[in-house]
Amino acid sequence: MMKYKGYAGEVTYDAEGHIFHGEVLGLKDIITFQGTTVDELEEAFKGSIDDYLNWCKERGETPEKAFSGNIRVRLSSDLHAKLAQAAVIQGISLNSLIINKLQKN
């Protein structure tokens, strides 16, 4: 996994073509990059992110962020109530309770 300016890229290797291919994760827009060496790959990844940010700026658009930190989860009302009660008992918010539980996995 590659990271730059809050964006993450996943890389695969094409053994037949002897080239690395990468794609920035978590965006509606598709941003790809490639290189034959690790240095080329890193340079292409950073260049693709910078090009994307410049393109958005030129168009007056806000760049997408790969992971905002906000997710929507649908629960049964029973589970929602159970988690809310556990949060009250522990003296923390429901959000904190859920984060704590997820971090344990």
C-alpha atoms as a PDB file:
ATOM      1  CA  MET A   1       0.000   0.000   0.000  1.00  0.00           C
ATOM      2  CA  MET A   2       1.341   3.403  -0.965  1.00  0.00           C
ATOM      3  CA  LYS A   3       0.275   6.632   0.761  1.00  0.00           C
ATOM      4  CA  TYR A   4       0.614  10.275  -0.260  1.00  0.00           C
ATOM      5  CA  LYS A   5      -1.312  13.403   0.760  1.00  0.00           C
ATOM      6  CA  GLY A   6      -4.058  11.342   2.374  1.00  0.00           C
ATOM      7  CA  TYR A   7      -4.548   9.056  -0.631  1.00  0.00           C
ATOM      8  CA  ALA A   8      -3.729   5.348  -0.778  1.00  0.00           C
ATOM      9  CA  GLY A   9      -2.660   3.358  -3.788  1.00  0.00           C
ATOM     10  CA  GLU A  10      -2.709  -0.369  -4.379  1.00  0.00           C
ATOM     11  CA  VAL A  11      -0.120  -1.948  -6.655  1.00  0.00           C
ATOM     12  CA  THR A  12      -0.015  -5.141  -8.694  1.00  0.00           C
ATOM     13  CA  TYR A  13       2.839  -6.542 -10.727  1.00  0.00           C
ATOM     14  CA  ASP A  14       2.440  -7.718 -14.310  1.00  0.00           C
ATOM     15  CA  ALA A  15       5.132 -10.412 -14.651  1.00  0.00           C
ATOM     16  CA  GLU A  16       4.517 -10.740 -18.377  1.00  0.00           C
ATOM     17  CA  GLY A  17       4.951  -7.034 -19.052  1.00  0.00           C
ATOM     18  CA  HIS A  18       7.543  -6.529 -16.297  1.00  0.00           C
ATOM     19  CA  ILE A  19       5.695  -3.483 -15.008  1.00  0.00           C
ATOM     20  CA  PHE A  20       3.954  -2.359 -11.839  1.00  0.00           C
ATOM     21  CA  HIS A  21       0.379  -1.035 -12.165  1.00  0.00           C
ATOM     22  CA  GLY A  22      -1.314   0.959  -9.444  1.00  0.00           C
ATOM     23  CA  GLU A  23      -4.663   2.538  -8.700  1.00  0.00           C
ATOM     24  CA  VAL A  24      -5.699   5.072  -6.077  1.00  0.00           C
ATOM     25  CA  LEU A  25      -8.282   3.505  -3.775  1.00  0.00           C
ATOM     26  CA  GLY A  26     -11.635   4.759  -2.575  1.00  0.00           C
ATOM     27  CA  LEU A  27     -12.439   7.390  -5.229  1.00  0.00           C
ATOM     28  CA  LYS A  28     -15.194   7.652  -7.821  1.00  0.00           C
ATOM     29  CA  ASP A  29     -12.614   9.152 -10.175  1.00  0.00           C
ATOM     30  CA  ILE A  30     -10.125   6.624 -11.483  1.00  0.00           C
ATOM     31  CA  ILE A  31      -6.485   7.513 -10.912  1.00  0.00           C
ATOM     32  CA  THR A  32      -3.887   5.045 -12.125  1.00  0.00           C
ATOM     33  CA  PHE A  33      -0.108   4.996 -12.304  1.00  0.00           C
ATOM     34  CA  GLN A  34       2.634   2.650 -13.415  1.00  0.00           C
ATOM     35  CA  GLY A  35       6.382   2.122 -13.402  1.00  0.00           C
ATOM     36  CA  THR A  36       9.049  -0.467 -14.082  1.00  0.00           C
ATOM     37  CA  THR A  37      10.949   0.202 -10.839  1.00  0.00           C
ATOM     38  CA  VAL A  38       9.898   1.071  -7.328  1.00  0.00           C
ATOM     39  CA  ASP A  39      11.312   4.582  -7.754  1.00  0.00           C
ATOM     40  CA  GLU A  40       9.374   5.079 -11.010  1.00  0.00           C
ATOM     41  CA  LEU A  41       6.241   3.723  -9.367  1.00  0.00           C
ATOM     42  CA  GLU A  42       6.512   6.067  -6.372  1.00  0.00           C
ATOM     43  CA  GLU A  43       7.172   9.043  -8.648  1.00  0.00           C
ATOM     44  CA  ALA A  44       4.223   8.150 -10.880  1.00  0.00           C
ATOM     45  CA  PHE A  45       1.934   7.688  -7.849  1.00  0.00           C
ATOM     46  CA  LYS A  46       2.823  11.095  -6.420  1.00  0.00           C
ATOM     47  CA  GLY A  47       2.606  12.700  -9.858  1.00  0.00           C
ATOM     48  CA  SER A  48      -0.851  11.247 -10.462  1.00  0.00           C
ATOM     49  CA  ILE A  49      -2.107  12.577  -7.123  1.00  0.00           C
ATOM     50  CA  ASP A  50      -0.577  16.009  -7.769  1.00  0.00           C
ATOM     51  CA  ASP A  51      -2.077  16.075 -11.289  1.00  0.00           C
ATOM     52  CA  TYR A  52      -5.491  15.163  -9.876  1.00  0.00           C
ATOM     53  CA  LEU A  53      -5.306  17.897  -7.235  1.00  0.00           C
ATOM     54  CA  ASN A  54      -4.205  20.473  -9.833  1.00  0.00           C
ATOM     55  CA  TRP A  55      -6.965  19.363 -12.227  1.00  0.00           C
ATOM     56  CA  CYS A  56      -9.564  19.826  -9.480  1.00  0.00           C
ATOM     57  CA  LYS A  57      -8.141  23.247  -8.606  1.00  0.00           C
ATOM     58  CA  GLU A  58      -8.246  24.386 -12.241  1.00  0.00           C
ATOM     59  CA  ARG A  59     -11.895  23.318 -12.489  1.00  0.00           C
ATOM     60  CA  GLY A  60     -12.799  24.902  -9.150  1.00  0.00           C
ATOM     61  CA  GLU A  61     -13.827  21.528  -7.718  1.00  0.00           C
ATOM     62  CA  THR A  62     -13.135  20.053  -4.320  1.00  0.00           C
ATOM     63  CA  PRO A  63     -10.982  16.929  -4.671  1.00  0.00           C
ATOM     64  CA  GLU A  64     -12.485  13.707  -3.426  1.00  0.00           C
ATOM     65  CA  LYS A  65     -10.981  12.277  -0.295  1.00  0.00           C
ATOM     66  CA  ALA A  66     -10.529   8.543  -0.340  1.00  0.00           C
ATOM     67  CA  PHE A  67     -11.755   7.953   3.188  1.00  0.00           C
ATOM     68  CA  SER A  68     -13.701  10.668   4.967  1.00  0.00           C
ATOM     69  CA  GLY A  69     -13.974   8.819   8.258  1.00  0.00           C
ATOM     70  CA  ASN A  70     -17.768   8.754   8.000  1.00  0.00           C
ATOM     71  CA  ILE A  71     -19.659   5.542   7.339  1.00  0.00           C
ATOM     72  CA  ARG A  72     -23.324   4.665   7.595  1.00  0.00           C
ATOM     73  CA  VAL A  73     -24.174   1.343   9.180  1.00  0.00           C
ATOM     74  CA  ARG A  74     -27.671  -0.087   9.395  1.00  0.00           C
ATOM     75  CA  LEU A  75     -28.442  -2.062  12.555  1.00  0.00           C
ATOM     76  CA  SER A  76     -31.480  -3.784  13.904  1.00  0.00           C
ATOM     77  CA  SER A  77     -33.296  -1.678  16.494  1.00  0.00           C
ATOM     78  CA  ASP A  78     -32.489  -4.307  19.134  1.00  0.00           C
ATOM     79  CA  LEU A  79     -28.751  -4.161  18.459  1.00  0.00           C
ATOM     80  CA  HIS A  80     -28.859  -0.354  18.341  1.00  0.00           C
ATOM     81  CA  ALA A  81     -30.540  -0.302  21.768  1.00  0.00           C
ATOM     82  CA  LYS A  82     -28.079  -2.830  23.199  1.00  0.00           C
ATOM     83  CA  LEU A  83     -25.069  -0.812  22.014  1.00  0.00           C
ATOM     84  CA  ALA A  84     -26.574   2.470  23.241  1.00  0.00           C
ATOM     85  CA  GLN A  85     -27.148   0.945  26.703  1.00  0.00           C
ATOM     86  CA  ALA A  86     -23.569  -0.375  26.803  1.00  0.00           C
ATOM     87  CA  ALA A  87     -22.287   3.102  25.927  1.00  0.00           C
ATOM     88  CA  VAL A  88     -24.314   4.702  28.739  1.00  0.00           C
ATOM     89  CA  ILE A  89     -23.075   2.114  31.241  1.00  0.00           C
ATOM     90  CA  GLN A  90     -19.460   2.799  30.176  1.00  0.00           C
ATOM     91  CA  GLY A  91     -20.020   6.563  30.223  1.00  0.00           C
ATOM     92  CA  ILE A  92     -18.990   7.043  26.592  1.00  0.00           C
ATOM     93  CA  SER A  93     -20.734   7.985  23.381  1.00  0.00           C
ATOM     94  CA  LEU A  94     -22.212   5.354  21.102  1.00  0.00           C
ATOM     95  CA  ASN A  95     -19.700   6.419  18.448  1.00  0.00           C
ATOM     96  CA  SER A  96     -16.788   5.846  20.869  1.00  0.00           C
ATOM     97  CA  LEU A  97     -18.156   2.461  21.865  1.00  0.00           C
ATOM     98  CA  ILE A  98     -18.379   1.322  18.243  1.00  0.00           C
ATOM     99  CA  ILE A  99     -14.876   2.636  17.442  1.00  0.00           C
ATOM    100  CA  ASN A 100     -13.475   0.788  20.476  1.00  0.00           C
ATOM    101  CA  LYS A 101     -15.139  -2.444  19.393  1.00  0.00           C
ATOM    102  CA  LEU A 102     -13.895  -2.117  15.804  1.00  0.00           C
ATOM    103  CA  GLN A 103     -10.339  -1.368  16.897  1.00  0.00           C
ATOM    104  CA  LYS A 104     -10.226  -4.640  18.833  1.00  0.00           C
ATOM    105  CA  ASN A 105     -10.608  -6.626  15.565  1.00  0.00           C
END
